[in-house]
PDB file of N, CA and C in Angstrom:
ATOM      1  N   MET A   1     119.098   6.020-169.013  1.00  0.00           N
ATOM      2  CA  MET A   1     119.439   4.733-169.572  1.00  0.00           C
ATOM      3  C   MET A   1     119.400   3.666-168.473  1.00  0.00           C
ATOM      4  N   THR A   2     118.775   2.559-168.745  1.00  0.00           N
ATOM      5  CA  THR A   2     118.645   1.459-167.799  1.00  0.00           C
ATOM      6  C   THR A   2     119.846   0.522-167.932  1.00  0.00           C
ATOM      7  N   ARG A   3     120.348   0.065-166.811  1.00  0.00           N
ATOM      8  CA  ARG A   3     121.455  -0.888-166.825  1.00  0.00           C
ATOM      9  C   ARG A   3     120.919  -2.298-167.028  1.00  0.00           C
ATOM     10  N   ALA A   4     121.687  -3.105-167.720  1.00  0.00           N
ATOM     11  CA  ALA A   4     121.319  -4.498-167.944  1.00  0.00           C
ATOM     12  C   ALA A   4     121.514  -5.290-166.657  1.00  0.00           C
ATOM     13  N   THR A   5     120.616  -6.220-166.409  1.00  0.00           N
ATOM     14  CA  THR A   5     120.777  -7.125-165.276  1.00  0.00           C
ATOM     15  C   THR A   5     121.861  -8.151-165.633  1.00  0.00           C
ATOM     16  N   PRO A   6     122.387  -8.864-164.646  1.00  0.00           N
ATOM     17  CA  PRO A   6     123.369  -9.903-164.965  1.00  0.00           C
ATOM     18  C   PRO A   6     122.825 -10.926-165.969  1.00  0.00           C
ATOM     19  N   TYR A   7     121.573 -11.320-165.809  1.00  0.00           N
ATOM     20  CA  TYR A   7     120.977 -12.272-166.750  1.00  0.00           C
ATOM     21  C   TYR A   7     120.924 -11.691-168.155  1.00  0.00           C
ATOM     22  N   GLN A   8     120.505 -10.432-168.280  1.00  0.00           N
ATOM     23  CA  GLN A   8     120.417  -9.795-169.593  1.00  0.00           C
ATOM     24  C   GLN A   8     121.790  -9.707-170.250  1.00  0.00           C
ATOM     25  N   LEU A   9     122.788  -9.322-169.486  1.00  0.00           N
ATOM     26  CA  LEU A   9     124.135  -9.198-170.029  1.00  0.00           C
ATOM     27  C   LEU A   9     124.671 -10.559-170.478  1.00  0.00           C
ATOM     28  N   LEU A  10     124.425 -11.583-169.697  1.00  0.00           N
ATOM     29  CA  LEU A  10     124.861 -12.924-170.093  1.00  0.00           C
ATOM     30  C   LEU A  10     124.135 -13.384-171.353  1.00  0.00           C
ATOM     31  N   LEU A  11     122.856 -13.090-171.458  1.00  0.00           N
ATOM     32  CA  LEU A  11     122.092 -13.470-172.644  1.00  0.00           C
ATOM     33  C   LEU A  11     122.609 -12.736-173.880  1.00  0.00           C
ATOM     34  N   ILE A  12     122.892 -11.452-173.747  1.00  0.00           N
ATOM     35  CA  ILE A  12     123.450 -10.671-174.861  1.00  0.00           C
ATOM     36  C   ILE A  12     124.775 -11.289-175.318  1.00  0.00           C
ATOM     37  N   ASN A  13     125.593 -11.702-174.365  1.00  0.00           N
ATOM     38  CA  ASN A  13     126.862 -12.332-174.716  1.00  0.00           C
ATOM     39  C   ASN A  13     126.660 -13.714-175.318  1.00  0.00           C
ATOM     40  N   LEU A  14     125.667 -14.459-174.858  1.00  0.00           N
ATOM     41  CA  LEU A  14     125.372 -15.763-175.443  1.00  0.00           C
ATOM     42  C   LEU A  14     124.955 -15.594-176.900  1.00  0.00           C
ATOM     43  N   GLU A  15     124.215 -14.529-177.183  1.00  0.00           N
ATOM     44  CA  GLU A  15     123.793 -14.230-178.559  1.00  0.00           C
ATOM     45  C   GLU A  15     124.953 -13.710-179.407  1.00  0.00           C
ATOM     46  N   GLN A  16     126.032 -13.350-178.766  1.00  0.00           N
ATOM     47  CA  GLN A  16     127.206 -12.764-179.405  1.00  0.00           C
ATOM     48  C   GLN A  16     126.850 -11.464-180.125  1.00  0.00           C
ATOM     49  N   SER A  17     125.993 -10.661-179.494  1.00  0.00           N
ATOM     50  CA  SER A  17     125.587  -9.394-180.094  1.00  0.00           C
ATOM     51  C   SER A  17     126.286  -8.201-179.452  1.00  0.00           C
ATOM     52  N   LEU A  18     127.271  -8.466-178.612  1.00  0.00           N
ATOM     53  CA  LEU A  18     128.041  -7.400-177.966  1.00  0.00           C
ATOM     54  C   LEU A  18     129.462  -7.439-178.535  1.00  0.00           C
ATOM     55  N   PRO A  19     129.964  -6.308-179.036  1.00  0.00           N
ATOM     56  CA  PRO A  19     131.326  -6.290-179.593  1.00  0.00           C
ATOM     57  C   PRO A  19     132.368  -6.689-178.542  1.00  0.00           C
ATOM     58  N   LYS A  20     133.427  -7.339-178.993  1.00  0.00           N
ATOM     59  CA  LYS A  20     134.468  -7.823-178.077  1.00  0.00           C
ATOM     60  C   LYS A  20     135.118  -6.716-177.262  1.00  0.00           C
ATOM     61  N   ASN A  21     135.122  -5.494-177.777  1.00  0.00           N
ATOM     62  CA  ASN A  21     135.762  -4.397-177.047  1.00  0.00           C
ATOM     63  C   ASN A  21     134.778  -3.640-176.152  1.00  0.00           C
ATOM     64  N   ALA A  22     133.537  -4.114-176.072  1.00  0.00           N
ATOM     65  CA  ALA A  22     132.508  -3.438-175.267  1.00  0.00           C
ATOM     66  C   ALA A  22     132.636  -3.804-173.789  1.00  0.00           C
ATOM     67  N   LEU A  23     132.274  -2.842-172.952  1.00  0.00           N
ATOM     68  CA  LEU A  23     132.239  -3.087-171.514  1.00  0.00           C
ATOM     69  C   LEU A  23     131.196  -4.171-171.234  1.00  0.00           C
ATOM     70  N   GLY A  24     131.556  -5.176-170.494  1.00  0.00           N
ATOM     71  CA  GLY A  24     130.619  -6.248-170.171  1.00  0.00           C
ATOM     72  C   GLY A  24     130.726  -7.447-171.095  1.00  0.00           C
ATOM     73  N   TYR A  25     131.610  -7.368-172.107  1.00  0.00           N
ATOM     74  CA  TYR A  25     131.760  -8.495-173.026  1.00  0.00           C
ATOM     75  C   TYR A  25     132.369  -9.691-172.310  1.00  0.00           C
ATOM     76  N   THR A  26     131.852 -10.865-172.631  1.00  0.00           N
ATOM     77  CA  THR A  26     132.458 -12.123-172.223  1.00  0.00           C
ATOM     78  C   THR A  26     132.213 -13.113-173.352  1.00  0.00           C
ATOM     79  N   SER A  27     132.951 -14.177-173.393  1.00  0.00           N
ATOM     80  CA  SER A  27     132.802 -15.159-174.465  1.00  0.00           C
ATOM     81  C   SER A  27     131.449 -15.863-174.361  1.00  0.00           C
ATOM     82  N   LYS A  28     131.042 -16.448-175.464  1.00  0.00           N
ATOM     83  CA  LYS A  28     129.789 -17.205-175.501  1.00  0.00           C
ATOM     84  C   LYS A  28     129.827 -18.332-174.464  1.00  0.00           C
ATOM     85  N   GLU A  29     130.963 -18.996-174.367  1.00  0.00           N
ATOM     86  CA  GLU A  29     131.113 -20.103-173.423  1.00  0.00           C
ATOM     87  C   GLU A  29     130.991 -19.623-171.976  1.00  0.00           C
ATOM     88  N   SER A  30     131.608 -18.491-171.676  1.00  0.00           N
ATOM     89  CA  SER A  30     131.515 -17.937-170.319  1.00  0.00           C
ATOM     90  C   SER A  30     130.096 -17.489-170.005  1.00  0.00           C
ATOM     91  N   ALA A  31     129.420 -16.924-171.005  1.00  0.00           N
ATOM     92  CA  ALA A  31     128.034 -16.490-170.812  1.00  0.00           C
ATOM     93  C   ALA A  31     127.145 -17.697-170.502  1.00  0.00           C
ATOM     94  N   TYR A  32     127.339 -18.770-171.246  1.00  0.00           N
ATOM     95  CA  TYR A  32     126.572 -19.996-171.011  1.00  0.00           C
ATOM     96  C   TYR A  32     126.822 -20.527-169.596  1.00  0.00           C
ATOM     97  N   GLU A  33     128.088 -20.596-169.197  1.00  0.00           N
ATOM     98  CA  GLU A  33     128.423 -21.085-167.857  1.00  0.00           C
ATOM     99  C   GLU A  33     127.817 -20.185-166.782  1.00  0.00           C
ATOM    100  N   GLY A  34     127.825 -18.881-167.012  1.00  0.00           N
ATOM    101  CA  GLY A  34     127.236 -17.945-166.057  1.00  0.00           C
ATOM    102  C   GLY A  34     125.738 -18.122-165.925  1.00  0.00           C
ATOM    103  N   LEU A  35     125.063 -18.272-167.056  1.00  0.00           N
ATOM    104  CA  LEU A  35     123.610 -18.491-167.023  1.00  0.00           C
ATOM    105  C   LEU A  35     123.282 -19.788-166.286  1.00  0.00           C
ATOM    106  N   LYS A  36     124.036 -20.818-166.584  1.00  0.00           N
ATOM    107  CA  LYS A  36     123.820 -22.118-165.943  1.00  0.00           C
ATOM    108  C   LYS A  36     124.038 -22.018-164.431  1.00  0.00           C
ATOM    109  N   ARG A  37     125.106 -21.340-164.026  1.00  0.00           N
ATOM    110  CA  ARG A  37     125.429 -21.203-162.600  1.00  0.00           C
ATOM    111  C   ARG A  37     124.370 -20.378-161.867  1.00  0.00           C
ATOM    112  N   LEU A  38     123.951 -19.250-162.458  1.00  0.00           N
ATOM    113  CA  LEU A  38     122.976 -18.379-161.795  1.00  0.00           C
ATOM    114  C   LEU A  38     121.579 -18.990-161.722  1.00  0.00           C
ATOM    115  N   SER A  39     121.192 -19.695-162.785  1.00  0.00           N
ATOM    116  CA  SER A  39     119.816 -20.186-162.869  1.00  0.00           C
ATOM    117  C   SER A  39     119.629 -21.604-162.340  1.00  0.00           C
ATOM    118  N   GLY A  40     120.690 -22.395-162.368  1.00  0.00           N
ATOM    119  CA  GLY A  40     120.548 -23.805-162.021  1.00  0.00           C
ATOM    120  C   GLY A  40     119.957 -24.617-163.162  1.00  0.00           C
ATOM    121  N   GLU A  41     119.773 -24.000-164.307  1.00  0.00           N
ATOM    122  CA  GLU A  41     119.216 -24.658-165.494  1.00  0.00           C
ATOM    123  C   GLU A  41     120.332 -24.887-166.508  1.00  0.00           C
ATOM    124  N   ASP A  42     120.040 -25.694-167.527  1.00  0.00           N
ATOM    125  CA  ASP A  42     121.026 -25.942-168.580  1.00  0.00           C
ATOM    126  C   ASP A  42     120.316 -26.086-169.921  1.00  0.00           C
ATOM    127  N   PHE A  43     120.310 -24.998-170.684  1.00  0.00           N
ATOM    128  CA  PHE A  43     119.707 -25.002-172.013  1.00  0.00           C
ATOM    129  C   PHE A  43     120.773 -24.930-173.104  1.00  0.00           C
ATOM    130  N   GLY A  44     122.006 -25.214-172.737  1.00  0.00           N
ATOM    131  CA  GLY A  44     123.090 -25.150-173.713  1.00  0.00           C
ATOM    132  C   GLY A  44     123.192 -23.751-174.288  1.00  0.00           C
ATOM    133  N   ASP A  45     123.447 -23.669-175.595  1.00  0.00           N
ATOM    134  CA  ASP A  45     123.544 -22.354-176.227  1.00  0.00           C
ATOM    135  C   ASP A  45     122.253 -21.982-176.959  1.00  0.00           C
ATOM    136  N   ASP A  46     121.137 -22.583-176.536  1.00  0.00           N
ATOM    137  CA  ASP A  46     119.822 -22.311-177.129  1.00  0.00           C
ATOM    138  C   ASP A  46     119.270 -20.992-176.583  1.00  0.00           C
ATOM    139  N   VAL A  47     119.519 -19.915-177.318  1.00  0.00           N
ATOM    140  CA  VAL A  47     119.125 -18.575-176.877  1.00  0.00           C
ATOM    141  C   VAL A  47     117.615 -18.484-176.664  1.00  0.00           C
ATOM    142  N   ALA A  48     116.833 -19.075-177.555  1.00  0.00           N
ATOM    143  CA  ALA A  48     115.370 -19.018-177.433  1.00  0.00           C
ATOM    144  C   ALA A  48     114.898 -19.686-176.140  1.00  0.00           C
ATOM    145  N   ALA A  49     115.488 -20.808-175.787  1.00  0.00           N
ATOM    146  CA  ALA A  49     115.104 -21.507-174.549  1.00  0.00           C
ATOM    147  C   ALA A  49     115.474 -20.676-173.327  1.00  0.00           C
ATOM    148  N   TRP A  50     116.661 -20.072-173.346  1.00  0.00           N
ATOM    149  CA  TRP A  50     117.060 -19.205-172.232  1.00  0.00           C
ATOM    150  C   TRP A  50     116.122 -18.018-172.113  1.00  0.00           C
ATOM    151  N   LYS A  51     115.775 -17.386-173.240  1.00  0.00           N
ATOM    152  CA  LYS A  51     114.861 -16.232-173.208  1.00  0.00           C
ATOM    153  C   LYS A  51     113.519 -16.632-172.619  1.00  0.00           C
ATOM    154  N   LYS A  52     112.999 -17.786-173.049  1.00  0.00           N
ATOM    155  CA  LYS A  52     111.702 -18.246-172.538  1.00  0.00           C
ATOM    156  C   LYS A  52     111.774 -18.460-171.029  1.00  0.00           C
ATOM    157  N   TRP A  53     112.808 -19.144-170.564  1.00  0.00           N
ATOM    158  CA  TRP A  53     112.946 -19.401-169.129  1.00  0.00           C
ATOM    159  C   TRP A  53     113.066 -18.092-168.359  1.00  0.00           C
ATOM    160  N   LEU A  54     113.877 -17.172-168.846  1.00  0.00           N
ATOM    161  CA  LEU A  54     114.058 -15.882-168.170  1.00  0.00           C
ATOM    162  C   LEU A  54     112.761 -15.081-168.133  1.00  0.00           C
ATOM    163  N   LYS A  55     112.009 -15.099-169.233  1.00  0.00           N
ATOM    164  CA  LYS A  55     110.718 -14.392-169.260  1.00  0.00           C
ATOM    165  C   LYS A  55     109.720 -15.062-168.324  1.00  0.00           C
ATOM    166  N   ASP A  56     109.668 -16.391-168.352  1.00  0.00           N
ATOM    167  CA  ASP A  56     108.746 -17.128-167.477  1.00  0.00           C
ATOM    168  C   ASP A  56     109.022 -16.851-165.996  1.00  0.00           C
ATOM    169  N   HIS A  57     110.264 -16.561-165.656  1.00  0.00           N
ATOM    170  CA  HIS A  57     110.655 -16.286-164.272  1.00  0.00           C
ATOM    171  C   HIS A  57     110.812 -14.793-163.994  1.00  0.00           C
ATOM    172  N   LYS A  58     110.295 -13.993-164.942  1.00  0.00           N
ATOM    173  CA  LYS A  58     110.289 -12.521-164.818  1.00  0.00           C
ATOM    174  C   LYS A  58     111.681 -11.946-164.550  1.00  0.00           C
ATOM    175  N   LEU A  59     112.667 -12.521-165.221  1.00  0.00           N
ATOM    176  CA  LEU A  59     114.045 -12.056-165.099  1.00  0.00           C
ATOM    177  C   LEU A  59     114.509 -11.330-166.358  1.00  0.00           C
ATOM    178  N   LEU A  60     113.600 -11.227-167.324  1.00  0.00           N
ATOM    179  CA  LEU A  60     113.922 -10.566-168.583  1.00  0.00           C
ATOM    180  C   LEU A  60     112.819  -9.615-168.951  1.00  0.00           C
TER     181      LEU A  60
END
């Protein structure tokens, strides 16, 4: 099993597809702040825009 990268885990949390009791869960707001801090970008809560940026930078 492959471990999720920090970017992947933050994106999963931004999508709110991880149960609250799961290891690695964080709130949508915290996930957004983490993505913004790590990337230096700001796409708000637009999951599609974050996915595109992460793929374009080979981080996803």
